[in-house]
Amino acid sequence: MSQQQFIVSQFKNRNGTASWRVDGRLNGIRIRKNFKTREEAIAEKGTLDLKALQADSGMRAVGTFLTEAQLREAETAFNRINEQARSLTFYLDYALANYREPQTQKPLSDAIALYTAAKDHEFEQDQISFAQLERIKRDLRRLLKVHPKLTVAELSPERIAAFCSLGKPSKKTYNNRRGILSTFLKFAYHAGWVVTNPIEKVPHHRIRRRRSSAATLTAEQAEKLMRSVEKMESGRFVPFFALCLFAGIRPSITNGEIVRMTPDLVNLDSGVINITAEVSKVREPRKVTIHPNLAAWLKAYPLDTFPIVPKRFTLIRAKIARAHNLTHDIMRHTFISMFVAKFRSVGEAALQAGNSESIIRKHYLDLKTQPEAERFYGIMPTSSPEEGNGESLAAA
């Protein structure tokens, strides 16, 4: 609706004196007032114009003890609940009854330091694995890099969701980040640094589970790998690759099970490798059967002479991996898939690999044929260390 206008005009009375008139309509009613001076008429016009503006916009002139800023905030609050079923007083009462200020505005940097110290203690008590501890620390360092000056209470659902989405991650990676922040914020909640856990308002991706195939080596590729390392530097790398390939020991030389292995855990007399809780990635002990081909390799290259992880092995390991296309855990995946193919026992494969049966069924079942598995378990050393020709890596 257009604003209603009032005009001020001058006219002469019958007695010859001049007067000033305000004329116009307000809400359809004709208003005409006379004043002796022009100033009085202009003042009345301003009053009537304001009333007309209020009538058009729905504004009202009322007396109040609120300041200008408080009035604006009150108007904003009413506008926000305009479509809600409850009154402003209802929402105010709810907030007063349920909201509590954090006990302290804890800087995010201090909170992360305290939380990671608690996780270090859990690791020392064998409650979490080293790999899990490192993932927690890595993601929290990244969070602090993104928000170096925030307090914990300022971690809103929007900020958390944005952090979980950094770098366009897969749904699984997104969920993993969300899970780490969830436990961190639960810790913060119990410490009194936040009044509610904002993670509850951060969406969790639902991932459709599909049966997938793990990357593995063929029996031919596995034999080529072992023949290559057997010829290199008098075979000093053989125990590492034999244990990872034929026993499924987790192969990372940064924090894998192989770096925590000691020779006394390998018992050729009983035919068993004893993976203790201290060695196991998941902190659960297991026993791995030493099959005849692995026994032959370890007798040809005994652990009391050949270290499981040789010195200065990192660069050489990387070069061998490139030469034979050894992706992460591919030797372990090969062991599991060959075991299932030869012995047709998902349960036993799960026990020896330290996985659940559901994981074995999902990733390793029917990847290999029994003839290929027989060939794999028939890979034997061709020479003793004394007979090795000492070829360099360039020949691998």
Protein backbone atom coordinates (compact mmCIF):
# COMPACT_ATOMS: atom_id res chain seq x y z
CA MET A 1 0.00 0.00 0.00
CA SER A 2 1.30 3.50 -0.94
CA GLN A 3 1.88 6.00 1.84
CA GLN A 4 -1.03 8.45 2.47
CA GLN A 5 0.03 12.11 1.91
CA PHE A 6 -0.89 15.33 3.80
CA ILE A 7 -0.36 18.82 2.44
CA VAL A 8 0.05 22.22 4.11
CA SER A 9 -1.53 25.27 2.43
CA GLN A 10 -2.16 28.91 3.35
CA PHE A 11 -5.55 30.70 3.15
CA LYS A 12 -7.14 33.97 4.34
CA ASN A 13 -9.91 34.13 6.92
CA ARG A 14 -12.96 36.39 6.47
CA ASN A 15 -11.45 38.88 8.88
CA GLY A 16 -8.41 39.16 6.64
CA THR A 17 -5.94 37.23 8.80
CA ALA A 18 -3.83 34.39 7.35
CA SER A 19 -4.06 30.77 8.54
CA TRP A 20 -2.35 27.49 7.65
CA ARG A 21 -4.28 24.32 6.87
CA VAL A 22 -3.22 20.61 6.99
CA ASP A 23 -5.35 18.53 4.64
CA GLY A 24 -5.37 14.80 3.72
CA ARG A 25 -6.89 11.37 4.41
CA LEU A 26 -5.96 8.75 7.01
CA ASN A 27 -7.46 5.26 6.67
CA GLY A 28 -10.10 6.68 4.31
CA ILE A 29 -11.18 9.50 6.69
CA ARG A 30 -10.81 13.13 5.60
CA ILE A 31 -8.69 15.17 8.01
CA ARG A 32 -8.50 18.99 7.80
CA LYS A 33 -6.97 21.16 10.55
CA ASN A 34 -6.25 24.91 10.71
CA PHE A 35 -3.32 26.56 12.52
CA LYS A 36 -2.31 30.15 13.13
CA THR A 37 1.34 29.60 12.18
CA ARG A 38 3.08 27.63 9.49
CA GLU A 39 5.34 25.92 12.07
CA GLU A 40 2.34 24.46 13.92
CA ALA A 41 0.87 23.18 10.67
CA ILE A 42 4.15 21.52 9.63
CA ALA A 43 4.44 19.84 13.05
CA GLU A 44 0.92 18.41 12.74
CA LYS A 45 1.65 17.26 9.20
CA GLY A 46 4.68 15.31 10.52
CA THR A 47 2.49 13.64 13.15
CA LEU A 48 -0.15 12.66 10.61
CA ASP A 49 2.46 11.43 8.11
CA LEU A 50 3.92 9.17 10.81
CA LYS A 51 0.49 7.75 11.61
CA ALA A 52 -0.09 7.12 7.91
CA LEU A 53 3.28 5.34 7.64
CA GLN A 54 2.48 3.19 10.66
CA ALA A 55 -0.90 2.31 9.22
CA ASP A 56 0.70 1.22 5.92
CA SER A 57 3.57 -0.82 7.48
CA GLY A 58 1.86 -2.24 10.54
CA MET A 59 4.14 -0.27 12.88
CA ARG A 60 2.77 1.13 16.12
CA ALA A 61 3.95 3.95 18.32
CA VAL A 62 4.11 2.75 21.93
CA GLY A 63 5.83 3.86 25.09
CA THR A 64 8.62 1.49 26.25
CA PHE A 65 11.54 1.34 28.65
CA LEU A 66 13.60 -0.71 26.15
CA THR A 67 16.60 0.82 24.44
CA GLU A 68 16.76 1.12 20.66
CA ALA A 69 19.05 -1.95 20.45
CA GLN A 70 16.75 -3.99 22.70
CA LEU A 71 13.73 -3.05 20.59
CA ARG A 72 15.50 -4.20 17.44
CA GLU A 73 16.47 -7.50 19.09
CA ALA A 74 12.90 -8.04 20.29
CA GLU A 75 11.57 -7.40 16.78
CA THR A 76 14.13 -9.88 15.36
CA ALA A 77 13.08 -12.52 17.88
CA PHE A 78 9.39 -12.16 17.03
CA ASN A 79 10.14 -12.32 13.31
CA ARG A 80 12.14 -15.57 13.79
CA ILE A 81 9.27 -17.36 15.54
CA ASN A 82 6.59 -15.91 13.28
CA GLU A 83 5.85 -19.33 11.72
CA GLN A 84 6.19 -21.28 14.96
CA ALA A 85 3.30 -22.63 16.99
CA ARG A 86 4.61 -21.44 20.35
CA SER A 87 5.05 -17.97 21.81
CA LEU A 88 8.32 -16.15 22.40
CA THR A 89 7.82 -16.60 26.15
CA PHE A 90 7.62 -20.39 25.69
CA TYR A 91 10.99 -20.53 23.93
CA LEU A 92 12.53 -18.16 26.46
CA ASP A 93 11.33 -20.33 29.36
CA TYR A 94 12.76 -23.43 27.67
CA ALA A 95 16.16 -21.79 27.19
CA LEU A 96 16.29 -20.59 30.78
CA ALA A 97 15.42 -24.08 32.04
CA ASN A 98 17.84 -26.03 29.81
CA TYR A 99 20.77 -23.88 28.74
CA ARG A 100 23.87 -23.69 30.89
CA GLU A 101 26.95 -21.66 30.11
CA PRO A 102 30.12 -23.75 29.76
CA GLN A 103 32.10 -23.89 32.98
CA THR A 104 35.07 -22.43 31.19
CA GLN A 105 35.74 -21.13 27.71
CA LYS A 106 38.42 -23.73 26.97
CA PRO A 107 40.69 -22.89 23.99
CA LEU A 108 40.61 -25.62 21.37
CA SER A 109 44.40 -26.01 21.54
CA ASP A 110 44.31 -26.73 25.29
CA ALA A 111 41.37 -29.11 24.96
CA ILE A 112 43.10 -31.13 22.21
CA ALA A 113 46.29 -31.35 24.29
CA LEU A 114 44.36 -32.76 27.26
CA TYR A 115 42.38 -35.16 25.10
CA THR A 116 45.42 -36.55 23.28
CA ALA A 117 47.18 -36.99 26.62
CA ALA A 118 44.21 -39.11 27.73
CA LYS A 119 44.47 -41.13 24.51
CA ASP A 120 48.21 -41.62 25.07
CA HIS A 121 47.33 -43.13 28.44
CA GLU A 122 44.75 -45.42 26.81
CA PHE A 123 47.42 -46.58 24.35
CA GLU A 124 49.80 -47.33 27.20
CA GLN A 125 47.03 -49.41 28.80
CA ASP A 126 46.56 -51.36 25.52
CA GLN A 127 43.04 -49.98 25.07
CA ILE A 128 43.67 -48.51 21.60
CA SER A 129 46.14 -49.34 18.85
CA PHE A 130 49.03 -47.18 17.71
CA ALA A 131 47.41 -46.71 14.30
CA GLN A 132 44.18 -45.51 15.93
CA LEU A 133 46.10 -43.13 18.17
CA GLU A 134 47.93 -41.66 15.18
CA ARG A 135 44.67 -41.14 13.25
CA ILE A 136 43.16 -39.30 16.21
CA LYS A 137 46.17 -37.02 16.58
CA ARG A 138 46.41 -36.37 12.83
CA ASP A 139 42.77 -35.30 12.47
CA LEU A 140 42.84 -33.14 15.60
CA ARG A 141 46.02 -31.40 14.43
CA ARG A 142 44.24 -30.65 11.16
CA LEU A 143 41.22 -29.32 13.07
CA LEU A 144 43.44 -27.01 15.12
CA LYS A 145 45.17 -25.79 11.96
CA VAL A 146 41.78 -24.86 10.47
CA HIS A 147 40.50 -23.19 13.68
CA PRO A 148 43.58 -22.08 15.68
CA LYS A 149 41.82 -19.42 17.78
CA LEU A 150 38.45 -21.01 18.57
CA THR A 151 37.23 -22.27 21.90
CA VAL A 152 35.65 -25.71 22.07
CA ALA A 153 32.24 -24.12 22.65
CA GLU A 154 32.55 -22.32 19.29
CA LEU A 155 32.68 -25.58 17.33
CA SER A 156 29.27 -25.33 15.71
CA PRO A 157 27.66 -28.12 13.66
CA GLU A 158 28.32 -26.06 10.52
CA ARG A 159 32.04 -25.77 11.30
CA ILE A 160 32.30 -29.48 12.10
CA ALA A 161 30.52 -30.50 8.89
CA ALA A 162 32.80 -28.20 6.86
CA PHE A 163 35.89 -29.73 8.49
CA CYS A 164 34.71 -33.28 7.81
CA SER A 165 34.21 -32.32 4.15
CA LEU A 166 37.70 -30.84 3.64
CA GLY A 167 39.32 -32.00 0.43
CA LYS A 168 36.20 -33.69 -0.94
CA PRO A 169 36.76 -36.95 0.99
CA SER A 170 34.98 -40.25 0.44
CA LYS A 171 31.91 -40.97 2.55
CA LYS A 172 33.95 -43.38 4.67
CA THR A 173 36.67 -40.79 5.34
CA TYR A 174 34.00 -38.20 6.19
CA ASN A 175 32.41 -40.62 8.66
CA ASN A 176 35.79 -41.46 10.19
CA ARG A 177 36.55 -37.77 10.81
CA ARG A 178 33.10 -37.28 12.28
CA GLY A 179 33.65 -40.26 14.58
CA ILE A 180 36.93 -38.87 15.91
CA LEU A 181 35.35 -35.47 16.58
CA SER A 182 32.37 -37.18 18.20
CA THR A 183 34.53 -38.85 20.87
CA PHE A 184 36.54 -35.65 21.34
CA LEU A 185 33.39 -33.60 21.90
CA LYS A 186 31.98 -36.22 24.25
CA PHE A 187 35.16 -35.80 26.27
CA ALA A 188 34.66 -32.02 26.15
CA TYR A 189 31.03 -32.38 27.26
CA HIS A 190 31.97 -34.40 30.33
CA ALA A 191 34.70 -31.87 31.10
CA GLY A 192 32.12 -29.07 31.06
CA TRP A 193 33.61 -27.22 28.10
CA VAL A 194 30.40 -27.49 26.05
CA VAL A 195 26.79 -27.66 27.21
CA THR A 196 25.63 -29.93 24.38
CA ASN A 197 27.42 -32.13 21.89
CA PRO A 198 27.07 -30.39 18.49
CA ILE A 199 28.01 -33.59 16.65
CA GLU A 200 24.38 -34.72 16.99
CA LYS A 201 23.42 -32.15 14.35
CA VAL A 202 26.19 -33.16 11.92
CA PRO A 203 24.90 -35.63 9.30
CA HIS A 204 26.34 -39.13 9.09
CA HIS A 205 26.66 -40.66 5.62
CA ARG A 206 24.96 -43.96 5.08
CA ILE A 207 27.21 -46.22 3.03
CA ARG A 208 25.77 -49.06 1.05
CA ARG A 209 27.88 -52.09 1.80
CA ARG A 210 28.98 -54.00 -1.24
CA ARG A 211 31.02 -57.11 -1.58
CA SER A 212 34.36 -55.97 -2.96
CA SER A 213 37.61 -57.64 -3.93
CA ALA A 214 40.90 -56.93 -2.20
CA ALA A 215 43.94 -56.24 -4.36
CA THR A 216 46.13 -59.37 -4.45
CA LEU A 217 49.12 -60.87 -6.22
CA THR A 218 48.80 -63.89 -8.46
CA ALA A 219 50.83 -66.97 -7.58
CA GLU A 220 53.11 -66.12 -10.49
CA GLN A 221 53.66 -62.57 -9.22
CA ALA A 222 54.29 -63.81 -5.68
CA GLU A 223 56.90 -66.28 -6.94
CA LYS A 224 58.59 -63.58 -9.01
CA LEU A 225 58.76 -61.34 -5.92
CA MET A 226 60.37 -64.03 -3.76
CA ARG A 227 62.84 -65.04 -6.47
CA SER A 228 63.86 -61.39 -6.78
CA VAL A 229 64.42 -60.71 -3.08
CA GLU A 230 66.18 -64.07 -2.71
CA LYS A 231 68.85 -62.91 -5.14
CA MET A 232 69.33 -59.46 -3.62
CA GLU A 233 72.18 -58.84 -1.17
CA SER A 234 72.51 -62.49 -0.19
CA GLY A 235 68.79 -62.73 0.58
CA ARG A 236 68.82 -60.47 3.64
CA PHE A 237 65.33 -59.18 2.80
CA VAL A 238 63.76 -62.65 2.53
CA PRO A 239 62.38 -62.98 6.12
CA PHE A 240 60.45 -59.72 5.87
CA PHE A 241 58.73 -60.63 2.61
CA ALA A 242 58.23 -64.30 3.54
CA LEU A 243 56.46 -63.43 6.80
CA CYS A 244 54.24 -60.78 5.18
CA LEU A 245 53.37 -62.89 2.14
CA PHE A 246 53.06 -66.40 3.62
CA ALA A 247 51.86 -65.51 7.16
CA GLY A 248 49.83 -62.33 6.55
CA ILE A 249 51.79 -60.19 9.02
CA ARG A 250 50.75 -56.55 8.59
CA PRO A 251 53.68 -55.10 6.60
CA SER A 252 53.93 -51.37 7.36
CA ILE A 253 57.49 -50.56 8.43
CA THR A 254 56.22 -47.42 10.13
CA ASN A 255 53.75 -48.95 12.58
CA GLY A 256 52.79 -52.39 11.25
CA GLU A 257 52.93 -55.67 13.12
CA ILE A 258 56.12 -56.65 11.29
CA VAL A 259 58.20 -53.97 13.06
CA ARG A 260 57.13 -55.31 16.47
CA MET A 261 57.88 -58.93 15.59
CA THR A 262 60.79 -60.63 17.34
CA PRO A 263 62.45 -63.93 16.36
CA ASP A 264 61.29 -65.71 19.53
CA LEU A 265 57.66 -65.39 18.36
CA VAL A 266 58.40 -67.66 15.39
CA ASN A 267 58.59 -71.31 16.50
CA LEU A 268 59.57 -73.61 13.67
CA ASP A 269 59.48 -76.65 15.94
CA SER A 270 55.79 -76.20 16.80
CA GLY A 271 54.99 -74.69 13.42
CA VAL A 272 53.31 -71.61 14.91
CA ILE A 273 53.87 -67.84 14.86
CA ASN A 274 52.62 -66.33 18.10
CA ILE A 275 51.25 -62.82 17.45
CA THR A 276 50.93 -61.33 20.92
CA ALA A 277 48.58 -58.50 21.91
CA GLU A 278 51.57 -56.14 21.96
CA VAL A 279 52.35 -57.00 18.35
CA SER A 280 48.78 -57.22 17.03
CA LYS A 281 47.28 -54.18 15.36
CA VAL A 282 43.94 -54.79 17.08
CA ARG A 283 45.54 -55.65 20.46
CA GLU A 284 44.23 -59.21 20.29
CA PRO A 285 46.62 -62.19 20.23
CA ARG A 286 46.44 -64.79 17.47
CA LYS A 287 48.40 -67.76 16.21
CA VAL A 288 49.43 -68.23 12.58
CA THR A 289 50.29 -71.67 11.20
CA ILE A 290 53.71 -71.97 9.57
CA HIS A 291 53.09 -73.88 6.34
CA PRO A 292 55.85 -75.99 4.76
CA ASN A 293 56.89 -73.38 2.22
CA LEU A 294 57.26 -70.64 4.87
CA ALA A 295 59.20 -73.06 7.08
CA ALA A 296 61.55 -73.75 4.18
CA TRP A 297 62.19 -70.03 3.64
CA LEU A 298 62.84 -69.39 7.33
CA LYS A 299 65.19 -72.39 7.58
CA ALA A 300 67.11 -71.21 4.53
CA TYR A 301 67.25 -67.66 5.91
CA PRO A 302 67.09 -68.11 9.73
CA LEU A 303 65.95 -65.21 11.89
CA ASP A 304 68.95 -65.45 14.19
CA THR A 305 71.08 -64.46 11.21
CA PHE A 306 68.71 -62.39 9.07
CA PRO A 307 66.77 -59.60 10.88
CA ILE A 308 63.04 -59.46 10.21
CA VAL A 309 63.35 -55.75 9.35
CA PRO A 310 66.89 -55.06 8.09
CA LYS A 311 68.68 -51.82 8.83
CA ARG A 312 68.24 -48.96 6.37
CA PHE A 313 65.33 -50.84 4.85
CA THR A 314 62.92 -47.98 4.10
CA LEU A 315 64.33 -46.88 0.73
CA ILE A 316 65.01 -50.43 -0.43
CA ARG A 317 61.51 -51.51 0.58
CA ALA A 318 60.06 -48.65 -1.47
CA LYS A 319 62.11 -49.59 -4.54
CA ILE A 320 61.05 -53.24 -4.31
CA ALA A 321 57.44 -52.13 -3.94
CA ARG A 322 57.66 -50.06 -7.12
CA ALA A 323 59.36 -52.85 -9.03
CA HIS A 324 56.67 -55.39 -8.10
CA ASN A 325 53.65 -53.10 -7.76
CA LEU A 326 53.27 -53.79 -4.05
CA THR A 327 50.42 -51.60 -2.86
CA HIS A 328 49.52 -51.23 0.81
CA ASP A 329 48.74 -54.62 2.43
CA ILE A 330 48.69 -56.46 -0.91
CA MET A 331 50.91 -59.24 0.49
CA ARG A 332 48.58 -59.72 3.43
CA HIS A 333 45.54 -59.71 1.12
CA THR A 334 47.25 -62.36 -1.00
CA PHE A 335 47.90 -64.56 2.05
CA ILE A 336 44.25 -64.41 3.18
CA SER A 337 42.76 -65.06 -0.26
CA MET A 338 45.13 -67.97 -0.92
CA PHE A 339 44.40 -69.46 2.51
CA VAL A 340 40.65 -69.35 1.89
CA ALA A 341 41.09 -70.91 -1.56
CA LYS A 342 43.26 -73.78 -0.30
CA PHE A 343 41.53 -74.64 2.99
CA ARG A 344 37.97 -73.39 2.31
CA SER A 345 37.60 -72.18 5.89
CA VAL A 346 36.47 -68.61 6.42
CA GLY A 347 36.48 -69.05 10.19
CA GLU A 348 40.08 -70.30 10.35
CA ALA A 349 41.20 -67.59 7.95
CA ALA A 350 39.62 -64.98 10.21
CA LEU A 351 41.40 -66.41 13.27
CA GLN A 352 44.82 -66.52 11.64
CA ALA A 353 44.51 -63.13 9.92
CA GLY A 354 43.02 -61.29 12.89
CA ASN A 355 39.90 -60.22 10.99
CA SER A 356 36.20 -60.90 11.41
CA GLU A 357 34.50 -63.57 9.35
CA SER A 358 32.29 -60.91 7.75
CA ILE A 359 35.38 -59.08 6.46
CA ILE A 360 36.81 -62.31 5.06
CA ARG A 361 33.55 -63.12 3.28
CA LYS A 362 33.18 -59.59 1.95
CA HIS A 363 36.70 -59.08 0.57
CA TYR A 364 38.50 -62.41 0.12
CA LEU A 365 36.04 -65.21 -0.65
CA ASP A 366 36.44 -66.86 -4.08
CA LEU A 367 39.24 -64.55 -5.24
CA LYS A 368 41.58 -67.43 -5.95
CA THR A 369 41.18 -70.96 -7.27
CA GLN A 370 42.48 -73.99 -5.42
CA PRO A 371 45.08 -74.81 -8.13
CA GLU A 372 46.50 -71.29 -7.87
CA ALA A 373 46.59 -71.59 -4.08
CA GLU A 374 48.48 -74.89 -4.39
CA ARG A 375 51.02 -73.17 -6.59
CA PHE A 376 51.31 -70.32 -4.08
CA TYR A 377 51.98 -72.69 -1.18
CA GLY A 378 54.52 -74.49 -3.37
CA ILE A 379 56.82 -71.46 -3.72
CA MET A 380 60.09 -72.66 -2.18
CA PRO A 381 63.58 -71.16 -1.91
CA THR A 382 65.90 -72.12 -4.73
CA SER A 383 69.18 -71.60 -2.94
CA SER A 384 70.72 -71.11 0.49
CA PRO A 385 72.27 -67.73 1.39
CA GLU A 386 75.73 -69.07 0.61
CA GLU A 387 74.60 -69.98 -2.89
CA GLY A 388 72.92 -66.60 -3.63
CA ASN A 389 74.57 -64.54 -6.31
CA GLY A 390 74.19 -61.24 -4.46
CA GLU A 391 72.45 -59.39 -7.27
CA SER A 392 71.70 -55.72 -6.71
CA LEU A 393 68.30 -54.08 -6.73
CA ALA A 394 68.79 -53.04 -10.32
CA ALA A 395 68.31 -56.69 -11.28
CA ALA A 396 65.04 -57.02 -9.35
